[in-house]
């Protein structure tokens, strides 16, 4: 199945790995080494899928992997799961759009694609990706009750979708309010007295769910306003280790943080009710 012309780069699912989460260290930037993705396959329009016979099979595969486009229909992936790794009942996988779709919902109704305009410039591009990933977290949690949101559905991991919302509320708060705005704001859920308190405190209580969403939305709103009021992404703030960090690096780190955790959300949601899609 070729990608539809109106789609921008799919922005939801991160890697589908049940990897151990990294510790999120308050007030310490994460700097990863390693080479950048090879984007040489995007040098010309002929390199993109659907541009005739000139696009080699190798280029098509590389491009599809880069943008997470499916190379074929996914009917075979939406079959009932019969092998169980735990004693729990494994839900049947399903897609809200249809068995041949790889999307979470109809793109015409998807709020991540609402803007529709071409992205221009560093600020607009970074903020649009971050906006879309934040929306993706909400979409992955939509339609679930308190018990489902708090369910640690991929054992032995202690992660849950509710824990993820609480975790990201503190990540947003740490980088934008505490680091960039230099506000003396205590952590919401992180604690020196309890390990992984943001995850451990994610219990199946509607009040806990409401509090998590309220906190997350307040921190997102603060972050958006802070960036909007900042004249330049090059502004820097001091770190505890004596170095400084630029606003552009913080935004880029937030894109990475959401992308990685949305890979966890993919598996958590799929294991709860079987729903799949990016």
C-alpha atoms as a PDB file:
ATOM      1  CA  UNK A   1       0.000   0.000   0.000  1.00  0.00           C
ATOM      2  CA  UNK A   2       1.512   3.326  -1.076  1.00  0.00           C
ATOM      3  CA  UNK A   3       1.356   6.304   1.327  1.00  0.00           C
ATOM      4  CA  UNK A   4      -1.485   8.696   0.644  1.00  0.00           C
ATOM      5  CA  UNK A   5      -0.504  11.980  -0.878  1.00  0.00           C
ATOM      6  CA  UNK A   6      -2.093  14.089   1.862  1.00  0.00           C
ATOM      7  CA  UNK A   7      -0.151  12.434   4.673  1.00  0.00           C
ATOM      8  CA  UNK A   8       2.780  14.164   6.240  1.00  0.00           C
ATOM      9  CA  UNK A   9       5.384  12.057   7.959  1.00  0.00           C
ATOM     10  CA  UNK A  10       3.528   9.691  10.320  1.00  0.00           C
ATOM     11  CA  UNK A  11       4.113  11.047  13.777  1.00  0.00           C
ATOM     12  CA  UNK A  12       2.642   8.603  16.222  1.00  0.00           C
ATOM     13  CA  UNK A  13       4.193   5.267  16.888  1.00  0.00           C
ATOM     14  CA  UNK A  14       7.765   5.185  18.037  1.00  0.00           C
ATOM     15  CA  UNK A  15       9.802   2.023  17.941  1.00  0.00           C
ATOM     16  CA  UNK A  16       7.805  -1.029  18.967  1.00  0.00           C
ATOM     17  CA  UNK A  17      10.324  -2.147  21.532  1.00  0.00           C
ATOM     18  CA  UNK A  18       9.558  -3.207  25.081  1.00  0.00           C
ATOM     19  CA  UNK A  19      12.897  -1.760  26.149  1.00  0.00           C
ATOM     20  CA  UNK A  20      13.628  -0.738  29.695  1.00  0.00           C
ATOM     21  CA  UNK A  21      12.914   2.946  30.168  1.00  0.00           C
ATOM     22  CA  UNK A  22      15.759   5.334  30.821  1.00  0.00           C
ATOM     23  CA  UNK A  23      15.898   7.183  34.090  1.00  0.00           C
ATOM     24  CA  UNK A  24      14.890  10.797  33.563  1.00  0.00           C
ATOM     25  CA  UNK A  25      17.418  12.810  35.512  1.00  0.00           C
ATOM     26  CA  UNK A  26      16.101  16.182  36.720  1.00  0.00           C
ATOM     27  CA  UNK A  27      18.068  19.174  35.479  1.00  0.00           C
ATOM     28  CA  UNK A  28      20.505  17.068  33.470  1.00  0.00           C
ATOM     29  CA  UNK A  29      20.485  17.159  29.649  1.00  0.00           C
ATOM     30  CA  UNK A  30      20.575  13.902  27.756  1.00  0.00           C
ATOM     31  CA  UNK A  31      23.169  13.999  25.000  1.00  0.00           C
ATOM     32  CA  UNK A  32      23.380  10.955  22.830  1.00  0.00           C
ATOM     33  CA  UNK A  33      26.281  10.143  20.576  1.00  0.00           C
ATOM     34  CA  UNK A  34      26.221   8.167  17.395  1.00  0.00           C
ATOM     35  CA  UNK A  35      25.697   9.046  13.782  1.00  0.00           C
ATOM     36  CA  UNK A  36      22.628  10.748  12.390  1.00  0.00           C
ATOM     37  CA  UNK A  37      20.137   8.949  10.226  1.00  0.00           C
ATOM     38  CA  UNK A  38      21.241   8.509   6.672  1.00  0.00           C
ATOM     39  CA  UNK A  39      18.959  10.803   4.723  1.00  0.00           C
ATOM     40  CA  UNK A  40      20.751  10.401   1.419  1.00  0.00           C
ATOM     41  CA  UNK A  41      17.727   8.545   0.099  1.00  0.00           C
ATOM     42  CA  UNK A  42      15.787  11.838   0.131  1.00  0.00           C
ATOM     43  CA  UNK A  43      18.068  13.736  -2.227  1.00  0.00           C
ATOM     44  CA  UNK A  44      15.580  13.679  -5.087  1.00  0.00           C
ATOM     45  CA  UNK A  45      11.903  13.107  -5.711  1.00  0.00           C
ATOM     46  CA  UNK A  46      12.824   9.971  -7.612  1.00  0.00           C
ATOM     47  CA  UNK A  47      13.898   8.442  -4.294  1.00  0.00           C
ATOM     48  CA  UNK A  48      10.441   8.557  -2.774  1.00  0.00           C
ATOM     49  CA  UNK A  49       7.945   5.679  -2.900  1.00  0.00           C
ATOM     50  CA  UNK A  50       5.542   5.918  -5.801  1.00  0.00           C
ATOM     51  CA  UNK A  51       7.831   7.800  -8.186  1.00  0.00           C
ATOM     52  CA  UNK A  52       8.053   5.216 -10.925  1.00  0.00           C
ATOM     53  CA  UNK A  53      10.505   2.523 -11.828  1.00  0.00           C
ATOM     54  CA  UNK A  54      13.507   4.725 -11.185  1.00  0.00           C
ATOM     55  CA  UNK A  55      13.088   4.231  -7.439  1.00  0.00           C
ATOM     56  CA  UNK A  56      15.048   1.139  -6.542  1.00  0.00           C
ATOM     57  CA  UNK A  57      13.733  -1.492  -4.189  1.00  0.00           C
ATOM     58  CA  UNK A  58      16.506  -0.661  -1.734  1.00  0.00           C
ATOM     59  CA  UNK A  59      15.597   3.036  -1.762  1.00  0.00           C
ATOM     60  CA  UNK A  60      11.901   2.236  -1.288  1.00  0.00           C
ATOM     61  CA  UNK A  61      12.640   0.068   1.717  1.00  0.00           C
ATOM     62  CA  UNK A  62      14.999   2.609   3.272  1.00  0.00           C
ATOM     63  CA  UNK A  63      12.531   5.447   2.754  1.00  0.00           C
ATOM     64  CA  UNK A  64       9.623   3.431   4.104  1.00  0.00           C
ATOM     65  CA  UNK A  65      11.612   2.576   7.199  1.00  0.00           C
ATOM     66  CA  UNK A  66      12.662   6.188   7.686  1.00  0.00           C
ATOM     67  CA  UNK A  67       9.105   7.487   7.567  1.00  0.00           C
ATOM     68  CA  UNK A  68       7.493   4.298   8.980  1.00  0.00           C
ATOM     69  CA  UNK A  69       5.377   3.871   5.875  1.00  0.00           C
ATOM     70  CA  UNK A  70       4.014   0.371   5.307  1.00  0.00           C
ATOM     71  CA  UNK A  71       5.325  -1.403   2.216  1.00  0.00           C
ATOM     72  CA  UNK A  72       2.159  -3.460   1.888  1.00  0.00           C
ATOM     73  CA  UNK A  73      -1.322  -3.856   3.349  1.00  0.00           C
ATOM     74  CA  UNK A  74      -1.454  -5.050   6.922  1.00  0.00           C
ATOM     75  CA  UNK A  75      -4.337  -7.550   6.857  1.00  0.00           C
ATOM     76  CA  UNK A  76      -2.014 -10.300   8.032  1.00  0.00           C
ATOM     77  CA  UNK A  77      -1.033  -8.325  11.114  1.00  0.00           C
ATOM     78  CA  UNK A  78      -4.592  -7.903  12.359  1.00  0.00           C
ATOM     79  CA  UNK A  79      -5.294 -11.507  13.219  1.00  0.00           C
ATOM     80  CA  UNK A  80      -6.262 -12.928  16.566  1.00  0.00           C
ATOM     81  CA  UNK A  81      -3.347 -13.613  18.866  1.00  0.00           C
ATOM     82  CA  UNK A  82      -3.480 -17.149  20.142  1.00  0.00           C
ATOM     83  CA  UNK A  83      -0.095 -17.629  21.773  1.00  0.00           C
ATOM     84  CA  UNK A  84       0.009 -16.203  25.253  1.00  0.00           C
ATOM     85  CA  UNK A  85       3.105 -15.203  27.166  1.00  0.00           C
ATOM     86  CA  UNK A  86       1.184 -14.727  30.406  1.00  0.00           C
ATOM     87  CA  UNK A  87      -1.834 -16.268  32.039  1.00  0.00           C
ATOM     88  CA  UNK A  88      -4.005 -13.322  31.015  1.00  0.00           C
ATOM     89  CA  UNK A  89      -6.377 -13.343  28.078  1.00  0.00           C
ATOM     90  CA  UNK A  90      -4.684 -11.755  25.082  1.00  0.00           C
ATOM     91  CA  UNK A  91      -6.988  -9.377  23.164  1.00  0.00           C
ATOM     92  CA  UNK A  92      -7.503  -9.649  19.440  1.00  0.00           C
ATOM     93  CA  UNK A  93      -5.714  -6.940  17.491  1.00  0.00           C
ATOM     94  CA  UNK A  94      -7.937  -4.449  15.674  1.00  0.00           C
ATOM     95  CA  UNK A  95      -7.708  -1.153  13.857  1.00  0.00           C
ATOM     96  CA  UNK A  96     -10.405   1.514  14.135  1.00  0.00           C
ATOM     97  CA  UNK A  97     -10.076   2.515  10.459  1.00  0.00           C
ATOM     98  CA  UNK A  98     -10.046  -0.995   8.987  1.00  0.00           C
ATOM     99  CA  UNK A  99      -7.888  -4.089   8.670  1.00  0.00           C
ATOM    100  CA  UNK A 100      -5.783  -2.661   5.833  1.00  0.00           C
ATOM    101  CA  UNK A 101      -5.013   0.634   7.568  1.00  0.00           C
ATOM    102  CA  UNK A 102      -1.898   1.437   9.565  1.00  0.00           C
ATOM    103  CA  UNK A 103      -3.348   4.622  11.044  1.00  0.00           C
ATOM    104  CA  UNK A 104      -4.916   5.116  14.479  1.00  0.00           C
ATOM    105  CA  UNK A 105      -7.936   6.892  13.062  1.00  0.00           C
ATOM    106  CA  UNK A 106      -9.245   8.409   9.844  1.00  0.00           C
ATOM    107  CA  UNK A 107      -6.593  10.991   8.870  1.00  0.00           C
ATOM    108  CA  UNK A 108      -9.374  13.385   7.893  1.00  0.00           C
ATOM    109  CA  UNK A 109     -10.497  13.410  11.541  1.00  0.00           C
ATOM    110  CA  UNK A 110      -7.039  13.152  13.106  1.00  0.00           C
ATOM    111  CA  UNK A 111      -6.152  16.315  15.088  1.00  0.00           C
ATOM    112  CA  UNK A 112      -2.457  15.716  14.458  1.00  0.00           C
ATOM    113  CA  UNK A 113      -2.970  16.546  10.794  1.00  0.00           C
ATOM    114  CA  UNK A 114      -5.373  19.452  11.351  1.00  0.00           C
ATOM    115  CA  UNK A 115      -2.886  22.195  10.468  1.00  0.00           C
ATOM    116  CA  UNK A 116      -2.371  20.870   6.949  1.00  0.00           C
ATOM    117  CA  UNK A 117       0.119  23.572   5.945  1.00  0.00           C
ATOM    118  CA  UNK A 118       3.671  23.000   4.762  1.00  0.00           C
ATOM    119  CA  UNK A 119       6.171  23.397   7.578  1.00  0.00           C
ATOM    120  CA  UNK A 120       8.763  26.126   7.162  1.00  0.00           C
ATOM    121  CA  UNK A 121      11.687  26.925   9.419  1.00  0.00           C
ATOM    122  CA  UNK A 122      13.204  25.338  12.485  1.00  0.00           C
ATOM    123  CA  UNK A 123      10.764  26.673  15.078  1.00  0.00           C
ATOM    124  CA  UNK A 124       7.629  25.712  13.185  1.00  0.00           C
ATOM    125  CA  UNK A 125       8.957  22.249  12.371  1.00  0.00           C
ATOM    126  CA  UNK A 126      10.103  21.394  15.895  1.00  0.00           C
ATOM    127  CA  UNK A 127       6.909  22.683  17.503  1.00  0.00           C
ATOM    128  CA  UNK A 128       4.642  20.874  15.059  1.00  0.00           C
ATOM    129  CA  UNK A 129       6.348  17.551  15.740  1.00  0.00           C
ATOM    130  CA  UNK A 130       6.113  18.134  19.490  1.00  0.00           C
ATOM    131  CA  UNK A 131       2.450  19.145  19.180  1.00  0.00           C
ATOM    132  CA  UNK A 132       1.660  15.992  17.240  1.00  0.00           C
ATOM    133  CA  UNK A 133       3.441  13.723  19.716  1.00  0.00           C
ATOM    134  CA  UNK A 134       1.608  15.294  22.640  1.00  0.00           C
ATOM    135  CA  UNK A 135      -1.675  14.667  20.850  1.00  0.00           C
ATOM    136  CA  UNK A 136      -0.591  11.094  20.148  1.00  0.00           C
ATOM    137  CA  UNK A 137      -0.272  10.449  23.886  1.00  0.00           C
ATOM    138  CA  UNK A 138      -3.857  11.589  24.387  1.00  0.00           C
ATOM    139  CA  UNK A 139      -5.062   9.458  21.487  1.00  0.00           C
ATOM    140  CA  UNK A 140      -3.344   6.344  22.825  1.00  0.00           C
ATOM    141  CA  UNK A 141      -5.192   6.800  26.131  1.00  0.00           C
ATOM    142  CA  UNK A 142      -8.589   7.711  24.670  1.00  0.00           C
ATOM    143  CA  UNK A 143     -11.597   5.554  25.481  1.00  0.00           C
ATOM    144  CA  UNK A 144     -10.047   3.779  28.480  1.00  0.00           C
ATOM    145  CA  UNK A 145     -11.326   3.778  32.060  1.00  0.00           C
ATOM    146  CA  UNK A 146      -9.236   4.235  35.204  1.00  0.00           C
ATOM    147  CA  UNK A 147      -8.532   0.529  35.599  1.00  0.00           C
ATOM    148  CA  UNK A 148      -7.342   0.172  32.028  1.00  0.00           C
ATOM    149  CA  UNK A 149      -5.178   3.289  32.176  1.00  0.00           C
ATOM    150  CA  UNK A 150      -3.528   2.081  35.382  1.00  0.00           C
ATOM    151  CA  UNK A 151      -3.062  -1.490  34.143  1.00  0.00           C
ATOM    152  CA  UNK A 152       0.536  -2.666  33.903  1.00  0.00           C
ATOM    153  CA  UNK A 153      -0.301  -4.555  30.783  1.00  0.00           C
ATOM    154  CA  UNK A 154       3.179  -5.574  29.639  1.00  0.00           C
ATOM    155  CA  UNK A 155       4.760  -7.463  32.550  1.00  0.00           C
ATOM    156  CA  UNK A 156       7.288  -7.509  34.062  1.00  0.00           C
ATOM    157  CA  UNK A 157       7.402  -3.786  33.255  1.00  0.00           C
ATOM    158  CA  UNK A 158       5.778  -1.532  35.863  1.00  0.00           C
ATOM    159  CA  UNK A 159       4.770   0.939  33.159  1.00  0.00           C
ATOM    160  CA  UNK A 160       1.157   1.914  32.554  1.00  0.00           C
ATOM    161  CA  UNK A 161      -0.477   4.528  30.360  1.00  0.00           C
ATOM    162  CA  UNK A 162      -1.513   6.480  33.456  1.00  0.00           C
ATOM    163  CA  UNK A 163       2.028   6.303  34.780  1.00  0.00           C
ATOM    164  CA  UNK A 164       3.236   7.582  31.426  1.00  0.00           C
ATOM    165  CA  UNK A 165       0.960  10.632  31.644  1.00  0.00           C
ATOM    166  CA  UNK A 166       2.236  11.377  35.150  1.00  0.00           C
ATOM    167  CA  UNK A 167       5.830  10.849  34.040  1.00  0.00           C
ATOM    168  CA  UNK A 168       5.493  13.202  31.084  1.00  0.00           C
ATOM    169  CA  UNK A 169       3.851  15.861  33.262  1.00  0.00           C
ATOM    170  CA  UNK A 170       7.018  15.946  35.357  1.00  0.00           C
ATOM    171  CA  UNK A 171       9.281  15.832  32.304  1.00  0.00           C
ATOM    172  CA  UNK A 172       7.469  18.858  30.822  1.00  0.00           C
ATOM    173  CA  UNK A 173       7.624  20.622  34.180  1.00  0.00           C
ATOM    174  CA  UNK A 174      11.290  19.890  34.673  1.00  0.00           C
ATOM    175  CA  UNK A 175      12.583  21.153  31.339  1.00  0.00           C
ATOM    176  CA  UNK A 176      10.327  24.139  30.656  1.00  0.00           C
ATOM    177  CA  UNK A 177       9.351  25.404  34.102  1.00  0.00           C
ATOM    178  CA  UNK A 178      12.351  24.449  36.241  1.00  0.00           C
ATOM    179  CA  UNK A 179      15.222  24.570  33.734  1.00  0.00           C
ATOM    180  CA  UNK A 180      14.278  27.111  31.083  1.00  0.00           C
ATOM    181  CA  UNK A 181      12.065  29.427  33.190  1.00  0.00           C
ATOM    182  CA  UNK A 182      14.267  28.904  36.282  1.00  0.00           C
ATOM    183  CA  UNK A 183      11.200  28.604  38.503  1.00  0.00           C
ATOM    184  CA  UNK A 184      11.481  26.988  41.905  1.00  0.00           C
ATOM    185  CA  UNK A 185       8.783  24.463  41.127  1.00  0.00           C
ATOM    186  CA  UNK A 186       8.902  21.153  43.017  1.00  0.00           C
ATOM    187  CA  UNK A 187       8.313  17.918  41.158  1.00  0.00           C
ATOM    188  CA  UNK A 188       4.725  16.761  40.867  1.00  0.00           C
ATOM    189  CA  UNK A 189       5.223  13.018  41.170  1.00  0.00           C
ATOM    190  CA  UNK A 190       8.953  12.340  41.244  1.00  0.00           C
ATOM    191  CA  UNK A 191      10.251  11.674  44.736  1.00  0.00           C
ATOM    192  CA  UNK A 192      13.594  11.131  46.417  1.00  0.00           C
ATOM    193  CA  UNK A 193      11.846   8.980  48.994  1.00  0.00           C
ATOM    194  CA  UNK A 194      10.191   6.494  46.631  1.00  0.00           C
ATOM    195  CA  UNK A 195      11.632   4.927  43.516  1.00  0.00           C
ATOM    196  CA  UNK A 196       9.617   5.524  40.341  1.00  0.00           C
ATOM    197  CA  UNK A 197       6.886   7.303  42.297  1.00  0.00           C
ATOM    198  CA  UNK A 198       5.379   8.673  39.085  1.00  0.00           C
ATOM    199  CA  UNK A 199       4.764   5.109  37.897  1.00  0.00           C
ATOM    200  CA  UNK A 200       4.070   3.463  41.261  1.00  0.00           C
ATOM    201  CA  UNK A 201       1.443   6.041  42.187  1.00  0.00           C
ATOM    202  CA  UNK A 202      -0.540   5.472  38.987  1.00  0.00           C
ATOM    203  CA  UNK A 203      -3.391   3.582  40.646  1.00  0.00           C
ATOM    204  CA  UNK A 204      -6.833   2.798  39.255  1.00  0.00           C
ATOM    205  CA  UNK A 205      -8.639   5.750  40.795  1.00  0.00           C
ATOM    206  CA  UNK A 206     -10.650   8.226  38.683  1.00  0.00           C
ATOM    207  CA  UNK A 207      -9.375  11.062  40.889  1.00  0.00           C
ATOM    208  CA  UNK A 208      -5.755  10.048  40.194  1.00  0.00           C
ATOM    209  CA  UNK A 209      -6.519   9.937  36.467  1.00  0.00           C
ATOM    210  CA  UNK A 210      -8.137  13.386  36.539  1.00  0.00           C
ATOM    211  CA  UNK A 211      -5.209  14.813  38.492  1.00  0.00           C
ATOM    212  CA  UNK A 212      -2.679  13.378  36.040  1.00  0.00           C
ATOM    213  CA  UNK A 213      -4.402  14.854  32.998  1.00  0.00           C
ATOM    214  CA  UNK A 214      -4.885  18.210  34.741  1.00  0.00           C
ATOM    215  CA  UNK A 215      -1.193  18.360  35.684  1.00  0.00           C
ATOM    216  CA  UNK A 216      -0.004  17.282  32.241  1.00  0.00           C
ATOM    217  CA  UNK A 217      -2.190  19.815  30.434  1.00  0.00           C
ATOM    218  CA  UNK A 218      -1.096  22.618  32.748  1.00  0.00           C
ATOM    219  CA  UNK A 219       2.569  21.843  32.109  1.00  0.00           C
ATOM    220  CA  UNK A 220       2.019  21.604  28.353  1.00  0.00           C
ATOM    221  CA  UNK A 221       0.217  24.956  28.388  1.00  0.00           C
ATOM    222  CA  UNK A 222       3.090  26.527  30.345  1.00  0.00           C
ATOM    223  CA  UNK A 223       5.639  25.098  27.922  1.00  0.00           C
ATOM    224  CA  UNK A 224       3.747  26.313  24.869  1.00  0.00           C
ATOM    225  CA  UNK A 225       3.422  29.820  26.306  1.00  0.00           C
ATOM    226  CA  UNK A 226       7.086  29.920  27.308  1.00  0.00           C
ATOM    227  CA  UNK A 227       8.210  28.977  23.808  1.00  0.00           C
ATOM    228  CA  UNK A 228       5.776  31.427  22.215  1.00  0.00           C
ATOM    229  CA  UNK A 229       7.171  34.243  24.367  1.00  0.00           C
ATOM    230  CA  UNK A 230      10.785  33.334  23.628  1.00  0.00           C
ATOM    231  CA  UNK A 231      12.220  35.463  20.807  1.00  0.00           C
ATOM    232  CA  UNK A 232      14.886  32.931  19.842  1.00  0.00           C
ATOM    233  CA  UNK A 233      15.402  29.190  20.230  1.00  0.00           C
ATOM    234  CA  UNK A 234      19.027  29.947  21.014  1.00  0.00           C
ATOM    235  CA  UNK A 235      18.273  31.330  24.493  1.00  0.00           C
ATOM    236  CA  UNK A 236      20.109  29.324  27.129  1.00  0.00           C
ATOM    237  CA  UNK A 237      19.575  28.410  30.768  1.00  0.00           C
ATOM    238  CA  UNK A 238      22.064  27.091  33.333  1.00  0.00           C
ATOM    239  CA  UNK A 239      22.211  23.468  34.400  1.00  0.00           C
ATOM    240  CA  UNK A 240      23.192  22.059  37.773  1.00  0.00           C
ATOM    241  CA  UNK A 241      26.495  20.774  36.371  1.00  0.00           C
ATOM    242  CA  UNK A 242      27.595  24.271  35.370  1.00  0.00           C
ATOM    243  CA  UNK A 243      26.800  23.943  31.662  1.00  0.00           C
ATOM    244  CA  UNK A 244      23.939  25.607  29.816  1.00  0.00           C
ATOM    245  CA  UNK A 245      21.245  24.256  27.545  1.00  0.00           C
ATOM    246  CA  UNK A 246      19.522  25.985  24.613  1.00  0.00           C
ATOM    247  CA  UNK A 247      15.752  26.068  24.191  1.00  0.00           C
ATOM    248  CA  UNK A 248      16.076  24.328  20.808  1.00  0.00           C
ATOM    249  CA  UNK A 249      17.870  21.409  22.488  1.00  0.00           C
ATOM    250  CA  UNK A 250      15.142  21.143  25.113  1.00  0.00           C
ATOM    251  CA  UNK A 251      12.431  21.042  22.442  1.00  0.00           C
ATOM    252  CA  UNK A 252      14.366  18.453  20.450  1.00  0.00           C
ATOM    253  CA  UNK A 253      14.829  16.363  23.589  1.00  0.00           C
ATOM    254  CA  UNK A 254      11.081  16.546  24.268  1.00  0.00           C
ATOM    255  CA  UNK A 255      10.377  15.255  20.754  1.00  0.00           C
ATOM    256  CA  UNK A 256      12.748  12.351  21.462  1.00  0.00           C
ATOM    257  CA  UNK A 257      11.201  11.735  24.888  1.00  0.00           C
ATOM    258  CA  UNK A 258       7.666  11.518  23.544  1.00  0.00           C
ATOM    259  CA  UNK A 259       8.670   9.438  20.526  1.00  0.00           C
ATOM    260  CA  UNK A 260      10.414   6.861  22.709  1.00  0.00           C
ATOM    261  CA  UNK A 261       7.601   6.635  25.253  1.00  0.00           C
ATOM    262  CA  UNK A 262       4.945   6.423  22.558  1.00  0.00           C
ATOM    263  CA  UNK A 263       6.620   3.201  21.504  1.00  0.00           C
ATOM    264  CA  UNK A 264       5.878   1.980  25.026  1.00  0.00           C
ATOM    265  CA  UNK A 265       2.321   3.318  24.711  1.00  0.00           C
ATOM    266  CA  UNK A 266       1.829   1.290  21.520  1.00  0.00           C
ATOM    267  CA  UNK A 267       2.468  -1.950  23.371  1.00  0.00           C
ATOM    268  CA  UNK A 268       0.611  -0.952  26.533  1.00  0.00           C
ATOM    269  CA  UNK A 269      -2.535  -0.007  24.595  1.00  0.00           C
ATOM    270  CA  UNK A 270      -2.393  -3.022  22.299  1.00  0.00           C
ATOM    271  CA  UNK A 271      -2.143  -5.326  25.301  1.00  0.00           C
ATOM    272  CA  UNK A 272      -5.119  -3.654  27.005  1.00  0.00           C
ATOM    273  CA  UNK A 273      -7.748  -3.868  24.284  1.00  0.00           C
ATOM    274  CA  UNK A 274      -5.917  -4.884  21.096  1.00  0.00           C
ATOM    275  CA  UNK A 275      -6.176  -1.559  19.324  1.00  0.00           C
ATOM    276  CA  UNK A 276      -3.285  -0.771  16.970  1.00  0.00           C
ATOM    277  CA  UNK A 277      -2.371   2.041  14.600  1.00  0.00           C
ATOM    278  CA  UNK A 278       0.020   4.954  14.332  1.00  0.00           C
END
